[in-house]
Amino acid sequence: MIIALLSIPSPPSNAFDIGPLVVHYYGILMGVAVLVGFAITTRRYERFGGDPQQLERILLWAIAIGFLGARLAFIS
């Protein structure tokens, strides 16, 4: 099994074009990860009796600050 995974080649490109827009696979995966994490956290918070609107405000700020911090760390 591990040898089969090691033999998978890298894709020939890391992006595709939609007209003038270049879409990177990394960006798509980051967006999917944020959406899945958001959905799982919201469901669990509601199940434990929390207010989902309050959690959404907190998560939106946390996501924005997280992306900003990652970008600042990347450029410094």
N, C-alpha and C. Protein backbone atom coordinates (compact mmCIF):
# COMPACT_ATOMS: atom_id res chain seq x y z
N MET A 1 0.83 -1.20 0.00
CA MET A 1 0.00 0.00 0.00
C MET A 1 0.87 1.25 0.00
N ILE A 2 1.88 1.30 0.87
CA ILE A 2 2.72 2.49 0.95
C ILE A 2 3.51 2.67 -0.34
N ILE A 3 3.98 1.57 -0.92
CA ILE A 3 4.74 1.68 -2.16
C ILE A 3 3.85 2.19 -3.28
N ALA A 4 2.59 1.80 -3.29
CA ALA A 4 1.67 2.30 -4.31
C ALA A 4 1.47 3.81 -4.16
N LEU A 5 1.39 4.30 -2.93
CA LEU A 5 1.23 5.74 -2.71
C LEU A 5 2.48 6.50 -3.11
N LEU A 6 3.64 5.91 -2.90
CA LEU A 6 4.88 6.58 -3.24
C LEU A 6 5.09 6.67 -4.75
N SER A 7 4.40 5.85 -5.51
CA SER A 7 4.59 5.87 -6.95
C SER A 7 3.62 6.80 -7.67
N ILE A 8 2.77 7.51 -6.95
CA ILE A 8 1.84 8.45 -7.58
C ILE A 8 2.61 9.70 -7.98
N PRO A 9 2.63 10.05 -9.25
CA PRO A 9 3.41 11.22 -9.68
C PRO A 9 2.70 12.53 -9.31
N SER A 10 3.47 13.59 -9.23
CA SER A 10 2.90 14.91 -9.00
C SER A 10 2.12 15.34 -10.24
N PRO A 11 1.11 16.18 -10.06
CA PRO A 11 0.38 16.66 -11.24
C PRO A 11 1.30 17.55 -12.10
N PRO A 12 1.03 17.61 -13.39
CA PRO A 12 1.90 18.39 -14.27
C PRO A 12 1.82 19.91 -14.02
N SER A 13 0.75 20.37 -13.41
CA SER A 13 0.64 21.80 -13.09
C SER A 13 -0.01 21.95 -11.73
N ASN A 14 0.11 23.14 -11.14
CA ASN A 14 -0.50 23.37 -9.84
C ASN A 14 -1.65 24.38 -9.92
N ALA A 15 -2.12 24.67 -11.13
CA ALA A 15 -3.22 25.63 -11.29
C ALA A 15 -3.90 25.38 -12.63
N PHE A 16 -5.07 25.99 -12.76
CA PHE A 16 -5.76 25.98 -14.05
C PHE A 16 -6.36 27.36 -14.27
N ASP A 17 -6.64 27.67 -15.51
CA ASP A 17 -7.13 28.99 -15.88
C ASP A 17 -8.62 28.94 -16.20
N ILE A 18 -9.32 29.95 -15.72
CA ILE A 18 -10.71 30.19 -16.10
C ILE A 18 -10.73 31.61 -16.65
N GLY A 19 -10.54 31.71 -17.94
CA GLY A 19 -10.41 33.03 -18.56
C GLY A 19 -9.15 33.70 -18.02
N PRO A 20 -9.27 34.94 -17.53
CA PRO A 20 -8.09 35.62 -17.00
C PRO A 20 -7.75 35.21 -15.56
N LEU A 21 -8.59 34.41 -14.94
CA LEU A 21 -8.40 34.03 -13.54
C LEU A 21 -7.60 32.74 -13.44
N VAL A 22 -6.55 32.75 -12.60
CA VAL A 22 -5.75 31.55 -12.36
C VAL A 22 -6.18 30.97 -11.02
N VAL A 23 -6.64 29.72 -11.03
CA VAL A 23 -7.12 29.05 -9.82
C VAL A 23 -6.09 27.99 -9.43
N HIS A 24 -5.54 28.12 -8.22
CA HIS A 24 -4.55 27.17 -7.73
C HIS A 24 -5.25 26.07 -6.93
N TYR A 25 -4.77 24.85 -7.08
CA TYR A 25 -5.35 23.72 -6.36
C TYR A 25 -5.21 23.91 -4.85
N TYR A 26 -4.11 24.51 -4.42
CA TYR A 26 -3.89 24.76 -2.99
C TYR A 26 -5.00 25.66 -2.43
N GLY A 27 -5.39 26.67 -3.18
CA GLY A 27 -6.46 27.57 -2.73
C GLY A 27 -7.80 26.86 -2.63
N ILE A 28 -8.07 25.97 -3.56
CA ILE A 28 -9.32 25.20 -3.50
C ILE A 28 -9.32 24.32 -2.26
N LEU A 29 -8.21 23.64 -1.99
CA LEU A 29 -8.14 22.77 -0.81
C LEU A 29 -8.24 23.57 0.49
N MET A 30 -7.65 24.76 0.53
CA MET A 30 -7.77 25.60 1.72
C MET A 30 -9.23 26.02 1.94
N GLY A 31 -9.92 26.38 0.87
CA GLY A 31 -11.32 26.77 0.98
C GLY A 31 -12.19 25.61 1.45
N VAL A 32 -11.96 24.43 0.91
CA VAL A 32 -12.72 23.25 1.34
C VAL A 32 -12.44 22.94 2.81
N ALA A 33 -11.18 23.05 3.22
CA ALA A 33 -10.82 22.78 4.62
C ALA A 33 -11.52 23.76 5.56
N VAL A 34 -11.56 25.03 5.19
CA VAL A 34 -12.23 26.03 6.03
C VAL A 34 -13.73 25.73 6.12
N LEU A 35 -14.35 25.41 5.00
CA LEU A 35 -15.79 25.12 5.02
C LEU A 35 -16.12 23.87 5.83
N VAL A 36 -15.32 22.82 5.69
CA VAL A 36 -15.56 21.59 6.46
C VAL A 36 -15.36 21.84 7.95
N GLY A 37 -14.28 22.55 8.29
CA GLY A 37 -14.03 22.88 9.70
C GLY A 37 -15.14 23.74 10.28
N PHE A 38 -15.61 24.70 9.50
CA PHE A 38 -16.71 25.58 9.93
C PHE A 38 -17.97 24.75 10.20
N ALA A 39 -18.30 23.85 9.28
CA ALA A 39 -19.51 23.03 9.42
C ALA A 39 -19.42 22.09 10.62
N ILE A 40 -18.29 21.43 10.79
CA ILE A 40 -18.13 20.49 11.91
C ILE A 40 -18.20 21.23 13.24
N THR A 41 -17.50 22.37 13.32
CA THR A 41 -17.50 23.13 14.58
C THR A 41 -18.90 23.65 14.91
N THR A 42 -19.62 24.13 13.91
CA THR A 42 -20.98 24.64 14.15
C THR A 42 -21.90 23.54 14.63
N ARG A 43 -21.84 22.38 14.00
CA ARG A 43 -22.70 21.25 14.43
C ARG A 43 -22.40 20.83 15.86
N ARG A 44 -21.13 20.72 16.17
CA ARG A 44 -20.76 20.29 17.53
C ARG A 44 -21.17 21.34 18.57
N TYR A 45 -21.00 22.62 18.24
CA TYR A 45 -21.35 23.69 19.17
C TYR A 45 -22.85 23.71 19.42
N GLU A 46 -23.64 23.53 18.37
CA GLU A 46 -25.10 23.47 18.54
C GLU A 46 -25.52 22.26 19.36
N ARG A 47 -24.85 21.14 19.15
CA ARG A 47 -25.19 19.92 19.89
C ARG A 47 -24.95 20.09 21.39
N PHE A 48 -23.96 20.89 21.76
CA PHE A 48 -23.68 21.13 23.17
C PHE A 48 -24.44 22.32 23.72
N GLY A 49 -25.38 22.87 22.93
CA GLY A 49 -26.29 23.91 23.44
C GLY A 49 -25.83 25.33 23.22
N GLY A 50 -24.86 25.57 22.36
CA GLY A 50 -24.38 26.93 22.11
C GLY A 50 -25.21 27.66 21.08
N ASP A 51 -25.04 28.97 21.03
CA ASP A 51 -25.74 29.82 20.07
C ASP A 51 -24.95 29.84 18.76
N PRO A 52 -25.51 29.32 17.66
CA PRO A 52 -24.76 29.23 16.41
C PRO A 52 -24.40 30.59 15.82
N GLN A 53 -25.21 31.61 16.03
CA GLN A 53 -24.90 32.94 15.48
C GLN A 53 -23.68 33.54 16.16
N GLN A 54 -23.56 33.33 17.45
CA GLN A 54 -22.39 33.82 18.18
C GLN A 54 -21.13 33.11 17.68
N LEU A 55 -21.23 31.82 17.49
CA LEU A 55 -20.09 31.04 17.01
C LEU A 55 -19.69 31.48 15.60
N GLU A 56 -20.64 31.77 14.74
CA GLU A 56 -20.32 32.20 13.37
C GLU A 56 -19.51 33.49 13.38
N ARG A 57 -19.88 34.44 14.24
CA ARG A 57 -19.12 35.68 14.34
C ARG A 57 -17.69 35.41 14.79
N ILE A 58 -17.54 34.54 15.78
CA ILE A 58 -16.21 34.20 16.29
C ILE A 58 -15.39 33.50 15.21
N LEU A 59 -15.99 32.54 14.51
CA LEU A 59 -15.25 31.80 13.48
C LEU A 59 -14.84 32.68 12.32
N LEU A 60 -15.70 33.60 11.90
CA LEU A 60 -15.34 34.48 10.80
C LEU A 60 -14.14 35.36 11.16
N TRP A 61 -14.11 35.87 12.38
CA TRP A 61 -12.96 36.65 12.83
C TRP A 61 -11.71 35.77 12.94
N ALA A 62 -11.87 34.57 13.46
CA ALA A 62 -10.73 33.67 13.63
C ALA A 62 -10.14 33.27 12.27
N ILE A 63 -10.99 33.02 11.29
CA ILE A 63 -10.52 32.65 9.96
C ILE A 63 -9.79 33.83 9.32
N ALA A 64 -10.38 35.02 9.40
CA ALA A 64 -9.75 36.20 8.80
C ALA A 64 -8.40 36.49 9.45
N ILE A 65 -8.34 36.46 10.77
CA ILE A 65 -7.09 36.72 11.47
C ILE A 65 -6.07 35.62 11.19
N GLY A 66 -6.52 34.39 11.07
CA GLY A 66 -5.62 33.29 10.75
C GLY A 66 -4.99 33.44 9.38
N PHE A 67 -5.78 33.79 8.37
CA PHE A 67 -5.22 34.00 7.03
C PHE A 67 -4.28 35.20 7.00
N LEU A 68 -4.66 36.27 7.70
CA LEU A 68 -3.80 37.45 7.76
C LEU A 68 -2.47 37.12 8.44
N GLY A 69 -2.54 36.41 9.56
CA GLY A 69 -1.32 36.03 10.27
C GLY A 69 -0.44 35.11 9.45
N ALA A 70 -1.04 34.18 8.72
CA ALA A 70 -0.27 33.28 7.87
C ALA A 70 0.42 34.07 6.75
N ARG A 71 -0.28 35.03 6.18
CA ARG A 71 0.32 35.84 5.12
C ARG A 71 1.47 36.69 5.66
N LEU A 72 1.27 37.29 6.83
CA LEU A 72 2.34 38.09 7.43
C LEU A 72 3.55 37.24 7.77
N ALA A 73 3.33 36.04 8.25
CA ALA A 73 4.44 35.14 8.55
C ALA A 73 5.15 34.72 7.28
N PHE A 74 4.42 34.58 6.19
CA PHE A 74 5.01 34.16 4.91
C PHE A 74 5.90 35.26 4.34
N ILE A 75 5.47 36.51 4.42
CA ILE A 75 6.23 37.59 3.80
C ILE A 75 7.35 38.12 4.68
N SER A 76 7.36 37.78 5.97
CA SER A 76 8.43 38.30 6.84
C SER A 76 9.61 37.38 6.90
